[in-house]
């Protein structure tokens, strides 16, 4: 059985077309928590597949950062936050 890890992907891309392409890829792996931030729950294979898809975009106008959230990382919420990955949602990758 695969183990899944949580990731936060943040990007800063100035070209609208590139931004849309990145958003489309990331939407297939997780959910948007802010305009340029996604949360994903991925197996090692899923993460590798996502990274390969993103690398194929050959971004010229910005960058992405992928942050691994380990078990010690605690999430605090203030205000109306979207549901977390631990709220009973399932992602199939």
Foldseek 3Di string as FASTA:
>chain_A
DFAKFKKKKFKDFDDPVLLVQLVVLLVLAADDFDSGMTMGIGTPVRVVVSVVSNVVSVGDGIDMDMGTDDPVDDDDDDDDTDDDPPPPDDHDD
